Amino acid sequence: MFNIIHLNTAFKVDLIVRKQRAYAKEEFRRRQSVEFLGKECWFASPEDTILAKLEWSKKGQSERQYQDALGVADIQQDALDWGYLQTWGERLGIGNLYSRLRHEAERE
């Protein structure tokens, strides 16, 4: 993983090299094309952003990554594929963090 920062605006983009595991292939397949600053750009889906942040949260024991995931869930809540999140959360070994996120997102 590495990032690019536009110094004049402090805009930062994280670039992540795709791994070979099954989830990474699915995540890449689900990426979404968005026009950004007049150019076609590809971004991870909201669900896959949430899963990535939950994995980072578990690996680094980072509450910040968890809170970032919760923020995405709060904003995208009605549009999220909760079944996809649950399935991959369990497969990735982050089912407990997914359950916590789902519970907290529903309360807000």
PDB file of N, CA and C in Angstrom:
ATOM      1  N   MET A   1       0.845  -1.174   0.000  1.00  0.00           N
ATOM      2  CA  MET A   1       0.000   0.000   0.000  1.00  0.00           C
ATOM      3  C   MET A   1       0.887   1.232   0.000  1.00  0.00           C
ATOM      4  N   PHE A   2       0.474   2.236  -0.749  1.00  0.00           N
ATOM      5  CA  PHE A   2       1.147   3.522  -0.734  1.00  0.00           C
ATOM      6  C   PHE A   2       0.115   4.587  -1.057  1.00  0.00           C
ATOM      7  N   ASN A   3       0.469   5.840  -0.896  1.00  0.00           N
ATOM      8  CA  ASN A   3      -0.502   6.888  -1.192  1.00  0.00           C
ATOM      9  C   ASN A   3       0.135   7.990  -2.011  1.00  0.00           C
ATOM     10  N   ILE A   4      -0.745   8.748  -2.602  1.00  0.00           N
ATOM     11  CA  ILE A   4      -0.368   9.919  -3.388  1.00  0.00           C
ATOM     12  C   ILE A   4      -1.047  11.114  -2.743  1.00  0.00           C
ATOM     13  N   ILE A   5      -0.287  12.182  -2.553  1.00  0.00           N
ATOM     14  CA  ILE A   5      -0.834  13.393  -1.934  1.00  0.00           C
ATOM     15  C   ILE A   5      -0.626  14.573  -2.870  1.00  0.00           C
ATOM     16  N   HIS A   6      -1.715  15.278  -3.169  1.00  0.00           N
ATOM     17  CA  HIS A   6      -1.638  16.513  -3.944  1.00  0.00           C
ATOM     18  C   HIS A   6      -1.275  17.619  -2.956  1.00  0.00           C
ATOM     19  N   LEU A   7      -0.074  18.138  -3.063  1.00  0.00           N
ATOM     20  CA  LEU A   7       0.445  19.054  -2.049  1.00  0.00           C
ATOM     21  C   LEU A   7      -0.340  20.359  -1.926  1.00  0.00           C
ATOM     22  N   ASN A   8      -0.864  20.885  -3.021  1.00  0.00           N
ATOM     23  CA  ASN A   8      -1.593  22.157  -2.954  1.00  0.00           C
ATOM     24  C   ASN A   8      -2.911  22.053  -2.195  1.00  0.00           C
ATOM     25  N   THR A   9      -3.533  20.874  -2.248  1.00  0.00           N
ATOM     26  CA  THR A   9      -4.841  20.712  -1.605  1.00  0.00           C
ATOM     27  C   THR A   9      -4.818  19.722  -0.435  1.00  0.00           C
ATOM     28  N   ALA A  10      -3.720  19.006  -0.274  1.00  0.00           N
ATOM     29  CA  ALA A  10      -3.579  17.954   0.742  1.00  0.00           C
ATOM     30  C   ALA A  10      -4.544  16.796   0.491  1.00  0.00           C
ATOM     31  N   PHE A  11      -5.055  16.670  -0.729  1.00  0.00           N
ATOM     32  CA  PHE A  11      -5.930  15.553  -1.096  1.00  0.00           C
ATOM     33  C   PHE A  11      -5.076  14.295  -1.185  1.00  0.00           C
ATOM     34  N   LYS A  12      -5.509  13.230  -0.517  1.00  0.00           N
ATOM     35  CA  LYS A  12      -4.727  11.992  -0.454  1.00  0.00           C
ATOM     36  C   LYS A  12      -5.523  10.830  -1.009  1.00  0.00           C
ATOM     37  N   VAL A  13      -4.860  10.000  -1.787  1.00  0.00           N
ATOM     38  CA  VAL A  13      -5.445   8.787  -2.334  1.00  0.00           C
ATOM     39  C   VAL A  13      -4.561   7.621  -1.909  1.00  0.00           C
ATOM     40  N   ASP A  14      -5.181   6.592  -1.327  1.00  0.00           N
ATOM     41  CA  ASP A  14      -4.462   5.378  -0.969  1.00  0.00           C
ATOM     42  C   ASP A  14      -4.521   4.410  -2.144  1.00  0.00           C
ATOM     43  N   LEU A  15      -3.385   3.872  -2.519  1.00  0.00           N
ATOM     44  CA  LEU A  15      -3.302   2.877  -3.585  1.00  0.00           C
ATOM     45  C   LEU A  15      -2.871   1.560  -2.955  1.00  0.00           C
ATOM     46  N   ILE A  16      -3.632   0.517  -3.247  1.00  0.00           N
ATOM     47  CA  ILE A  16      -3.397  -0.778  -2.633  1.00  0.00           C
ATOM     48  C   ILE A  16      -3.218  -1.809  -3.738  1.00  0.00           C
ATOM     49  N   VAL A  17      -2.113  -2.527  -3.701  1.00  0.00           N
ATOM     50  CA  VAL A  17      -1.836  -3.566  -4.686  1.00  0.00           C
ATOM     51  C   VAL A  17      -2.714  -4.775  -4.359  1.00  0.00           C
ATOM     52  N   ARG A  18      -3.374  -5.314  -5.390  1.00  0.00           N
ATOM     53  CA  ARG A  18      -4.289  -6.427  -5.190  1.00  0.00           C
ATOM     54  C   ARG A  18      -3.526  -7.697  -4.822  1.00  0.00           C
ATOM     55  N   LYS A  19      -4.008  -8.354  -3.787  1.00  0.00           N
ATOM     56  CA  LYS A  19      -3.446  -9.644  -3.367  1.00  0.00           C
ATOM     57  C   LYS A  19      -4.048 -10.749  -4.224  1.00  0.00           C
ATOM     58  N   GLN A  20      -3.567 -11.972  -4.066  1.00  0.00           N
ATOM     59  CA  GLN A  20      -4.038 -13.108  -4.862  1.00  0.00           C
ATOM     60  C   GLN A  20      -5.153 -13.907  -4.200  1.00  0.00           C
ATOM     61  N   ARG A  21      -5.532 -13.574  -2.976  1.00  0.00           N
ATOM     62  CA  ARG A  21      -6.563 -14.359  -2.291  1.00  0.00           C
ATOM     63  C   ARG A  21      -7.935 -14.135  -2.942  1.00  0.00           C
ATOM     64  N   ALA A  22      -8.852 -15.061  -2.684  1.00  0.00           N
ATOM     65  CA  ALA A  22     -10.185 -15.039  -3.313  1.00  0.00           C
ATOM     66  C   ALA A  22     -10.917 -13.730  -3.037  1.00  0.00           C
ATOM     67  N   TYR A  23     -10.856 -13.244  -1.793  1.00  0.00           N
ATOM     68  CA  TYR A  23     -11.567 -12.007  -1.482  1.00  0.00           C
ATOM     69  C   TYR A  23     -11.038 -10.838  -2.307  1.00  0.00           C
ATOM     70  N   ALA A  24      -9.724 -10.742  -2.457  1.00  0.00           N
ATOM     71  CA  ALA A  24      -9.149  -9.623  -3.214  1.00  0.00           C
ATOM     72  C   ALA A  24      -9.622  -9.640  -4.668  1.00  0.00           C
ATOM     73  N   LYS A  25      -9.758 -10.830  -5.224  1.00  0.00           N
ATOM     74  CA  LYS A  25     -10.255 -10.942  -6.597  1.00  0.00           C
ATOM     75  C   LYS A  25     -11.714 -10.483  -6.683  1.00  0.00           C
ATOM     76  N   GLU A  26     -12.516 -10.850  -5.676  1.00  0.00           N
ATOM     77  CA  GLU A  26     -13.923 -10.422  -5.637  1.00  0.00           C
ATOM     78  C   GLU A  26     -14.017  -8.911  -5.440  1.00  0.00           C
ATOM     79  N   GLU A  27     -13.202  -8.392  -4.546  1.00  0.00           N
ATOM     80  CA  GLU A  27     -13.171  -6.947  -4.291  1.00  0.00           C
ATOM     81  C   GLU A  27     -12.837  -6.193  -5.583  1.00  0.00           C
ATOM     82  N   PHE A  28     -11.854  -6.672  -6.319  1.00  0.00           N
ATOM     83  CA  PHE A  28     -11.448  -6.036  -7.574  1.00  0.00           C
ATOM     84  C   PHE A  28     -12.568  -6.130  -8.615  1.00  0.00           C
ATOM     85  N   ARG A  29     -13.231  -7.266  -8.663  1.00  0.00           N
ATOM     86  CA  ARG A  29     -14.340  -7.444  -9.612  1.00  0.00           C
ATOM     87  C   ARG A  29     -15.467  -6.454  -9.333  1.00  0.00           C
ATOM     88  N   ARG A  30     -15.677  -6.113  -8.060  1.00  0.00           N
ATOM     89  CA  ARG A  30     -16.780  -5.235  -7.661  1.00  0.00           C
ATOM     90  C   ARG A  30     -16.432  -3.746  -7.683  1.00  0.00           C
ATOM     91  N   ARG A  31     -15.225  -3.403  -8.045  1.00  0.00           N
ATOM     92  CA  ARG A  31     -14.832  -1.987  -8.035  1.00  0.00           C
ATOM     93  C   ARG A  31     -15.804  -1.178  -8.876  1.00  0.00           C
ATOM     94  N   GLN A  32     -15.860   0.119  -8.603  1.00  0.00           N
ATOM     95  CA  GLN A  32     -16.832   0.978  -9.266  1.00  0.00           C
ATOM     96  C   GLN A  32     -16.124   2.109  -9.998  1.00  0.00           C
ATOM     97  N   SER A  33     -16.580   2.355 -11.205  1.00  0.00           N
ATOM     98  CA  SER A  33     -16.035   3.432 -12.018  1.00  0.00           C
ATOM     99  C   SER A  33     -16.761   4.734 -11.675  1.00  0.00           C
ATOM    100  N   VAL A  34     -15.980   5.776 -11.428  1.00  0.00           N
ATOM    101  CA  VAL A  34     -16.532   7.086 -11.085  1.00  0.00           C
ATOM    102  C   VAL A  34     -15.750   8.143 -11.854  1.00  0.00           C
ATOM    103  N   GLU A  35     -16.463   9.138 -12.377  1.00  0.00           N
ATOM    104  CA  GLU A  35     -15.748  10.261 -12.990  1.00  0.00           C
ATOM    105  C   GLU A  35     -15.280  11.181 -11.865  1.00  0.00           C
ATOM    106  N   PHE A  36     -13.990  11.446 -11.858  1.00  0.00           N
ATOM    107  CA  PHE A  36     -13.397  12.277 -10.814  1.00  0.00           C
ATOM    108  C   PHE A  36     -12.439  13.248 -11.470  1.00  0.00           C
ATOM    109  N   LEU A  37     -12.712  14.542 -11.325  1.00  0.00           N
ATOM    110  CA  LEU A  37     -11.903  15.598 -11.935  1.00  0.00           C
ATOM    111  C   LEU A  37     -11.750  15.399 -13.442  1.00  0.00           C
ATOM    112  N   GLY A  38     -12.865  14.971 -14.061  1.00  0.00           N
ATOM    113  CA  GLY A  38     -12.891  14.808 -15.506  1.00  0.00           C
ATOM    114  C   GLY A  38     -12.253  13.528 -16.016  1.00  0.00           C
ATOM    115  N   LYS A  39     -11.866  12.648 -15.133  1.00  0.00           N
ATOM    116  CA  LYS A  39     -11.223  11.388 -15.534  1.00  0.00           C
ATOM    117  C   LYS A  39     -11.983  10.200 -14.943  1.00  0.00           C
ATOM    118  N   GLU A  40     -11.968   9.082 -15.666  1.00  0.00           N
ATOM    119  CA  GLU A  40     -12.551   7.860 -15.127  1.00  0.00           C
ATOM    120  C   GLU A  40     -11.589   7.281 -14.096  1.00  0.00           C
ATOM    121  N   CYS A  41     -12.093   7.051 -12.884  1.00  0.00           N
ATOM    122  CA  CYS A  41     -11.295   6.468 -11.805  1.00  0.00           C
ATOM    123  C   CYS A  41     -12.048   5.275 -11.243  1.00  0.00           C
ATOM    124  N   TRP A  42     -11.311   4.343 -10.702  1.00  0.00           N
ATOM    125  CA  TRP A  42     -11.908   3.147 -10.116  1.00  0.00           C
ATOM    126  C   TRP A  42     -11.712   3.174  -8.609  1.00  0.00           C
ATOM    127  N   PHE A  43     -12.788   2.882  -7.889  1.00  0.00           N
ATOM    128  CA  PHE A  43     -12.762   2.894  -6.437  1.00  0.00           C
ATOM    129  C   PHE A  43     -13.378   1.597  -5.917  1.00  0.00           C
ATOM    130  N   ALA A  44     -12.927   1.178  -4.750  1.00  0.00           N
ATOM    131  CA  ALA A  44     -13.535   0.028  -4.087  1.00  0.00           C
ATOM    132  C   ALA A  44     -14.976   0.378  -3.735  1.00  0.00           C
ATOM    133  N   SER A  45     -15.830  -0.632  -3.727  1.00  0.00           N
ATOM    134  CA  SER A  45     -17.224  -0.421  -3.330  1.00  0.00           C
ATOM    135  C   SER A  45     -17.275  -0.034  -1.854  1.00  0.00           C
ATOM    136  N   PRO A  46     -18.369   0.594  -1.416  1.00  0.00           N
ATOM    137  CA  PRO A  46     -18.492   0.918   0.013  1.00  0.00           C
ATOM    138  C   PRO A  46     -18.356  -0.322   0.901  1.00  0.00           C
ATOM    139  N   GLU A  47     -18.948  -1.445   0.464  1.00  0.00           N
ATOM    140  CA  GLU A  47     -18.851  -2.677   1.256  1.00  0.00           C
ATOM    141  C   GLU A  47     -17.401  -3.122   1.410  1.00  0.00           C
ATOM    142  N   ASP A  48     -16.655  -3.074   0.304  1.00  0.00           N
ATOM    143  CA  ASP A  48     -15.272  -3.528   0.359  1.00  0.00           C
ATOM    144  C   ASP A  48     -14.377  -2.552   1.113  1.00  0.00           C
ATOM    145  N   THR A  49     -14.725  -1.292   1.089  1.00  0.00           N
ATOM    146  CA  THR A  49     -14.010  -0.308   1.909  1.00  0.00           C
ATOM    147  C   THR A  49     -14.229  -0.618   3.385  1.00  0.00           C
ATOM    148  N   ILE A  50     -15.457  -0.934   3.739  1.00  0.00           N
ATOM    149  CA  ILE A  50     -15.776  -1.292   5.125  1.00  0.00           C
ATOM    150  C   ILE A  50     -14.997  -2.532   5.543  1.00  0.00           C
ATOM    151  N   LEU A  51     -15.029  -3.580   4.715  1.00  0.00           N
ATOM    152  CA  LEU A  51     -14.318  -4.815   5.058  1.00  0.00           C
ATOM    153  C   LEU A  51     -12.821  -4.581   5.209  1.00  0.00           C
ATOM    154  N   ALA A  52     -12.245  -3.793   4.305  1.00  0.00           N
ATOM    155  CA  ALA A  52     -10.803  -3.506   4.395  1.00  0.00           C
ATOM    156  C   ALA A  52     -10.484  -2.783   5.698  1.00  0.00           C
ATOM    157  N   LYS A  53     -11.295  -1.826   6.053  1.00  0.00           N
ATOM    158  CA  LYS A  53     -11.048  -1.073   7.289  1.00  0.00           C
ATOM    159  C   LYS A  53     -11.238  -1.954   8.526  1.00  0.00           C
ATOM    160  N   LEU A  54     -12.198  -2.866   8.474  1.00  0.00           N
ATOM    161  CA  LEU A  54     -12.368  -3.789   9.595  1.00  0.00           C
ATOM    162  C   LEU A  54     -11.171  -4.733   9.718  1.00  0.00           C
ATOM    163  N   GLU A  55     -10.646  -5.189   8.576  1.00  0.00           N
ATOM    164  CA  GLU A  55      -9.440  -6.031   8.623  1.00  0.00           C
ATOM    165  C   GLU A  55      -8.259  -5.249   9.194  1.00  0.00           C
ATOM    166  N   TRP A  56      -8.069  -4.005   8.737  1.00  0.00           N
ATOM    167  CA  TRP A  56      -6.973  -3.182   9.254  1.00  0.00           C
ATOM    168  C   TRP A  56      -7.166  -2.920  10.742  1.00  0.00           C
ATOM    169  N   SER A  57      -8.410  -2.726  11.142  1.00  0.00           N
ATOM    170  CA  SER A  57      -8.705  -2.498  12.555  1.00  0.00           C
ATOM    171  C   SER A  57      -8.279  -3.704  13.390  1.00  0.00           C
ATOM    172  N   LYS A  58      -8.600  -4.902  12.909  1.00  0.00           N
ATOM    173  CA  LYS A  58      -8.239  -6.118  13.641  1.00  0.00           C
ATOM    174  C   LYS A  58      -6.725  -6.305  13.679  1.00  0.00           C
ATOM    175  N   LYS A  59      -6.069  -6.130  12.531  1.00  0.00           N
ATOM    176  CA  LYS A  59      -4.619  -6.350  12.456  1.00  0.00           C
ATOM    177  C   LYS A  59      -3.850  -5.369  13.332  1.00  0.00           C
ATOM    178  N   GLY A  60      -4.268  -4.121  13.310  1.00  0.00           N
ATOM    179  CA  GLY A  60      -3.543  -3.107  14.062  1.00  0.00           C
ATOM    180  C   GLY A  60      -4.190  -2.718  15.369  1.00  0.00           C
ATOM    181  N   GLN A  61      -5.277  -3.424  15.702  1.00  0.00           N
ATOM    182  CA  GLN A  61      -6.051  -3.071  16.886  1.00  0.00           C
ATOM    183  C   GLN A  61      -6.333  -1.570  16.898  1.00  0.00           C
ATOM    184  N   SER A  62      -6.824  -1.079  15.743  1.00  0.00           N
ATOM    185  CA  SER A  62      -7.024   0.351  15.519  1.00  0.00           C
ATOM    186  C   SER A  62      -8.499   0.734  15.608  1.00  0.00           C
ATOM    187  N   GLU A  63      -8.823   1.491  16.619  1.00  0.00           N
ATOM    188  CA  GLU A  63     -10.188   1.998  16.740  1.00  0.00           C
ATOM    189  C   GLU A  63     -10.481   3.018  15.641  1.00  0.00           C
ATOM    190  N   ARG A  64      -9.460   3.713  15.179  1.00  0.00           N
ATOM    191  CA  ARG A  64      -9.668   4.702  14.121  1.00  0.00           C
ATOM    192  C   ARG A  64     -10.175   4.039  12.839  1.00  0.00           C
ATOM    193  N   GLN A  65      -9.558   2.903  12.454  1.00  0.00           N
ATOM    194  CA  GLN A  65     -10.014   2.200  11.252  1.00  0.00           C
ATOM    195  C   GLN A  65     -11.453   1.717  11.432  1.00  0.00           C
ATOM    196  N   TYR A  66     -11.772   1.235  12.634  1.00  0.00           N
ATOM    197  CA  TYR A  66     -13.142   0.806  12.907  1.00  0.00           C
ATOM    198  C   TYR A  66     -14.102   1.987  12.767  1.00  0.00           C
ATOM    199  N   GLN A  67     -13.755   3.123  13.343  1.00  0.00           N
ATOM    200  CA  GLN A  67     -14.610   4.307  13.263  1.00  0.00           C
ATOM    201  C   GLN A  67     -14.775   4.782  11.821  1.00  0.00           C
ATOM    202  N   ASP A  68     -13.708   4.672  11.011  1.00  0.00           N
ATOM    203  CA  ASP A  68     -13.813   4.997   9.582  1.00  0.00           C
ATOM    204  C   ASP A  68     -14.826   4.074   8.903  1.00  0.00           C
ATOM    205  N   ALA A  69     -14.758   2.774   9.208  1.00  0.00           N
ATOM    206  CA  ALA A  69     -15.700   1.806   8.637  1.00  0.00           C
ATOM    207  C   ALA A  69     -17.129   2.138   9.054  1.00  0.00           C
ATOM    208  N   LEU A  70     -17.301   2.498  10.324  1.00  0.00           N
ATOM    209  CA  LEU A  70     -18.622   2.873  10.815  1.00  0.00           C
ATOM    210  C   LEU A  70     -19.131   4.127  10.111  1.00  0.00           C
ATOM    211  N   GLY A  71     -18.249   5.063   9.833  1.00  0.00           N
ATOM    212  CA  GLY A  71     -18.632   6.275   9.107  1.00  0.00           C
ATOM    213  C   GLY A  71     -19.139   5.962   7.708  1.00  0.00           C
ATOM    214  N   VAL A  72     -18.460   5.050   7.009  1.00  0.00           N
ATOM    215  CA  VAL A  72     -18.923   4.630   5.677  1.00  0.00           C
ATOM    216  C   VAL A  72     -20.287   3.960   5.801  1.00  0.00           C
ATOM    217  N   ALA A  73     -20.442   3.097   6.787  1.00  0.00           N
ATOM    218  CA  ALA A  73     -21.722   2.406   6.987  1.00  0.00           C
ATOM    219  C   ALA A  73     -22.841   3.395   7.292  1.00  0.00           C
ATOM    220  N   ASP A  74     -22.558   4.403   8.099  1.00  0.00           N
ATOM    221  CA  ASP A  74     -23.576   5.402   8.428  1.00  0.00           C
ATOM    222  C   ASP A  74     -24.036   6.157   7.189  1.00  0.00           C
ATOM    223  N   ILE A  75     -23.093   6.531   6.341  1.00  0.00           N
ATOM    224  CA  ILE A  75     -23.419   7.305   5.137  1.00  0.00           C
ATOM    225  C   ILE A  75     -24.132   6.441   4.092  1.00  0.00           C
ATOM    226  N   GLN A  76     -23.680   5.215   3.915  1.00  0.00           N
ATOM    227  CA  GLN A  76     -24.188   4.342   2.848  1.00  0.00           C
ATOM    228  C   GLN A  76     -25.246   3.346   3.308  1.00  0.00           C
ATOM    229  N   GLN A  77     -25.661   3.428   4.537  1.00  0.00           N
ATOM    230  CA  GLN A  77     -26.457   2.393   5.196  1.00  0.00           C
ATOM    231  C   GLN A  77     -27.561   1.776   4.336  1.00  0.00           C
ATOM    232  N   ASP A  78     -28.411   2.580   3.752  1.00  0.00           N
ATOM    233  CA  ASP A  78     -29.552   2.045   2.997  1.00  0.00           C
ATOM    234  C   ASP A  78     -29.140   1.394   1.680  1.00  0.00           C
ATOM    235  N   ALA A  79     -27.965   1.735   1.177  1.00  0.00           N
ATOM    236  CA  ALA A  79     -27.512   1.200  -0.106  1.00  0.00           C
ATOM    237  C   ALA A  79     -26.583  -0.007   0.047  1.00  0.00           C
ATOM    238  N   LEU A  80     -26.193  -0.345   1.267  1.00  0.00           N
ATOM    239  CA  LEU A  80     -25.219  -1.419   1.479  1.00  0.00           C
ATOM    240  C   LEU A  80     -25.829  -2.802   1.279  1.00  0.00           C
ATOM    241  N   ASP A  81     -25.010  -3.706   0.788  1.00  0.00           N
ATOM    242  CA  ASP A  81     -25.372  -5.115   0.680  1.00  0.00           C
ATOM    243  C   ASP A  81     -24.898  -5.782   1.969  1.00  0.00           C
ATOM    244  N   TRP A  82     -25.779  -5.796   2.976  1.00  0.00           N
ATOM    245  CA  TRP A  82     -25.425  -6.305   4.295  1.00  0.00           C
ATOM    246  C   TRP A  82     -25.126  -7.802   4.269  1.00  0.00           C
ATOM    247  N   GLY A  83     -25.765  -8.539   3.383  1.00  0.00           N
ATOM    248  CA  GLY A  83     -25.491  -9.968   3.243  1.00  0.00           C
ATOM    249  C   GLY A  83     -24.064 -10.211   2.767  1.00  0.00           C
ATOM    250  N   TYR A  84     -23.623  -9.418   1.800  1.00  0.00           N
ATOM    251  CA  TYR A  84     -22.241  -9.510   1.308  1.00  0.00           C
ATOM    252  C   TYR A  84     -21.272  -9.208   2.442  1.00  0.00           C
ATOM    253  N   LEU A  85     -21.552  -8.163   3.205  1.00  0.00           N
ATOM    254  CA  LEU A  85     -20.689  -7.793   4.325  1.00  0.00           C
ATOM    255  C   LEU A  85     -20.612  -8.921   5.358  1.00  0.00           C
ATOM    256  N   GLN A  86     -21.748  -9.514   5.674  1.00  0.00           N
ATOM    257  CA  GLN A  86     -21.764 -10.584   6.668  1.00  0.00           C
ATOM    258  C   GLN A  86     -20.990 -11.801   6.168  1.00  0.00           C
ATOM    259  N   THR A  87     -21.250 -12.209   4.935  1.00  0.00           N
ATOM    260  CA  THR A  87     -20.574 -13.382   4.369  1.00  0.00           C
ATOM    261  C   THR A  87     -19.065 -13.210   4.376  1.00  0.00           C
ATOM    262  N   TRP A  88     -18.592 -12.080   3.833  1.00  0.00           N
ATOM    263  CA  TRP A  88     -17.148 -11.878   3.758  1.00  0.00           C
ATOM    264  C   TRP A  88     -16.555 -11.540   5.127  1.00  0.00           C
ATOM    265  N   GLY A  89     -17.308 -10.911   5.984  1.00  0.00           N
ATOM    266  CA  GLY A  89     -16.815 -10.658   7.342  1.00  0.00           C
ATOM    267  C   GLY A  89     -16.498 -11.968   8.044  1.00  0.00           C
ATOM    268  N   GLU A  90     -17.374 -12.955   7.889  1.00  0.00           N
ATOM    269  CA  GLU A  90     -17.143 -14.271   8.490  1.00  0.00           C
ATOM    270  C   GLU A  90     -15.962 -14.970   7.837  1.00  0.00           C
ATOM    271  N   ARG A  91     -15.898 -14.945   6.507  1.00  0.00           N
ATOM    272  CA  ARG A  91     -14.805 -15.615   5.788  1.00  0.00           C
ATOM    273  C   ARG A  91     -13.445 -14.991   6.105  1.00  0.00           C
ATOM    274  N   LEU A  92     -13.428 -13.694   6.357  1.00  0.00           N
ATOM    275  CA  LEU A  92     -12.171 -12.989   6.624  1.00  0.00           C
ATOM    276  C   LEU A  92     -11.780 -13.016   8.096  1.00  0.00           C
ATOM    277  N   GLY A  93     -12.609 -13.620   8.931  1.00  0.00           N
ATOM    278  CA  GLY A  93     -12.295 -13.714  10.350  1.00  0.00           C
ATOM    279  C   GLY A  93     -12.531 -12.431  11.126  1.00  0.00           C
ATOM    280  N   ILE A  94     -13.424 -11.595  10.592  1.00  0.00           N
ATOM    281  CA  ILE A  94     -13.743 -10.329  11.264  1.00  0.00           C
ATOM    282  C   ILE A  94     -15.241 -10.229  11.545  1.00  0.00           C
ATOM    283  N   GLY A  95     -15.869 -11.394  11.690  1.00  0.00           N
ATOM    284  CA  GLY A  95     -17.314 -11.432  11.935  1.00  0.00           C
ATOM    285  C   GLY A  95     -17.722 -10.678  13.182  1.00  0.00           C
ATOM    286  N   ASN A  96     -16.883 -10.736  14.222  1.00  0.00           N
ATOM    287  CA  ASN A  96     -17.216 -10.023  15.459  1.00  0.00           C
ATOM    288  C   ASN A  96     -17.205  -8.510  15.235  1.00  0.00           C
ATOM    289  N   LEU A  97     -16.236  -8.007  14.464  1.00  0.00           N
ATOM    290  CA  LEU A  97     -16.213  -6.572  14.169  1.00  0.00           C
ATOM    291  C   LEU A  97     -17.372  -6.175  13.270  1.00  0.00           C
ATOM    292  N   TYR A  98     -17.714  -7.044  12.304  1.00  0.00           N
ATOM    293  CA  TYR A  98     -18.875  -6.774  11.453  1.00  0.00           C
ATOM    294  C   TYR A  98     -20.147  -6.696  12.297  1.00  0.00           C
ATOM    295  N   SER A  99     -20.337  -7.654  13.208  1.00  0.00           N
ATOM    296  CA  SER A  99     -21.538  -7.659  14.057  1.00  0.00           C
ATOM    297  C   SER A  99     -21.623  -6.379  14.886  1.00  0.00           C
ATOM    298  N   ARG A 100     -20.504  -5.966  15.441  1.00  0.00           N
ATOM    299  CA  ARG A 100     -20.463  -4.719  16.217  1.00  0.00           C
ATOM    300  C   ARG A 100     -20.840  -3.523  15.342  1.00  0.00           C
ATOM    301  N   LEU A 101     -20.267  -3.474  14.148  1.00  0.00           N
ATOM    302  CA  LEU A 101     -20.544  -2.371  13.216  1.00  0.00           C
ATOM    303  C   LEU A 101     -22.016  -2.359  12.835  1.00  0.00           C
ATOM    304  N   ARG A 102     -22.574  -3.505  12.514  1.00  0.00           N
ATOM    305  CA  ARG A 102     -23.977  -3.578  12.105  1.00  0.00           C
ATOM    306  C   ARG A 102     -24.887  -3.092  13.228  1.00  0.00           C
ATOM    307  N   HIS A 103     -24.600  -3.539  14.434  1.00  0.00           N
ATOM    308  CA  HIS A 103     -25.377  -3.133  15.607  1.00  0.00           C
ATOM    309  C   HIS A 103     -25.302  -1.615  15.815  1.00  0.00           C
ATOM    310  N   GLU A 104     -24.105  -1.075  15.751  1.00  0.00           N
ATOM    311  CA  GLU A 104     -23.938   0.366  15.966  1.00  0.00           C
ATOM    312  C   GLU A 104     -24.539   1.180  14.824  1.00  0.00           C
ATOM    313  N   ALA A 105     -24.438   0.690  13.601  1.00  0.00           N
ATOM    314  CA  ALA A 105     -24.996   1.421  12.452  1.00  0.00           C
ATOM    315  C   ALA A 105     -26.524   1.463  12.520  1.00  0.00           C
ATOM    316  N   GLU A 106     -27.124   0.405  13.005  1.00  0.00           N
ATOM    317  CA  GLU A 106     -28.590   0.366  13.095  1.00  0.00           C
ATOM    318  C   GLU A 106     -29.112   1.284  14.194  1.00  0.00           C
ATOM    319  N   ARG A 107     -28.306   1.538  15.210  1.00  0.00           N
ATOM    320  CA  ARG A 107     -28.740   2.417  16.311  1.00  0.00           C
ATOM    321  C   ARG A 107     -28.765   3.874  15.901  1.00  0.00           C
ATOM    322  N   GLU A 108     -27.989   4.246  14.911  1.00  0.00           N
ATOM    323  CA  GLU A 108     -27.879   5.663  14.551  1.00  0.00           C
ATOM    324  C   GLU A 108     -28.885   6.091  13.541  1.00  0.00           C
TER     325      GLU A 108
END
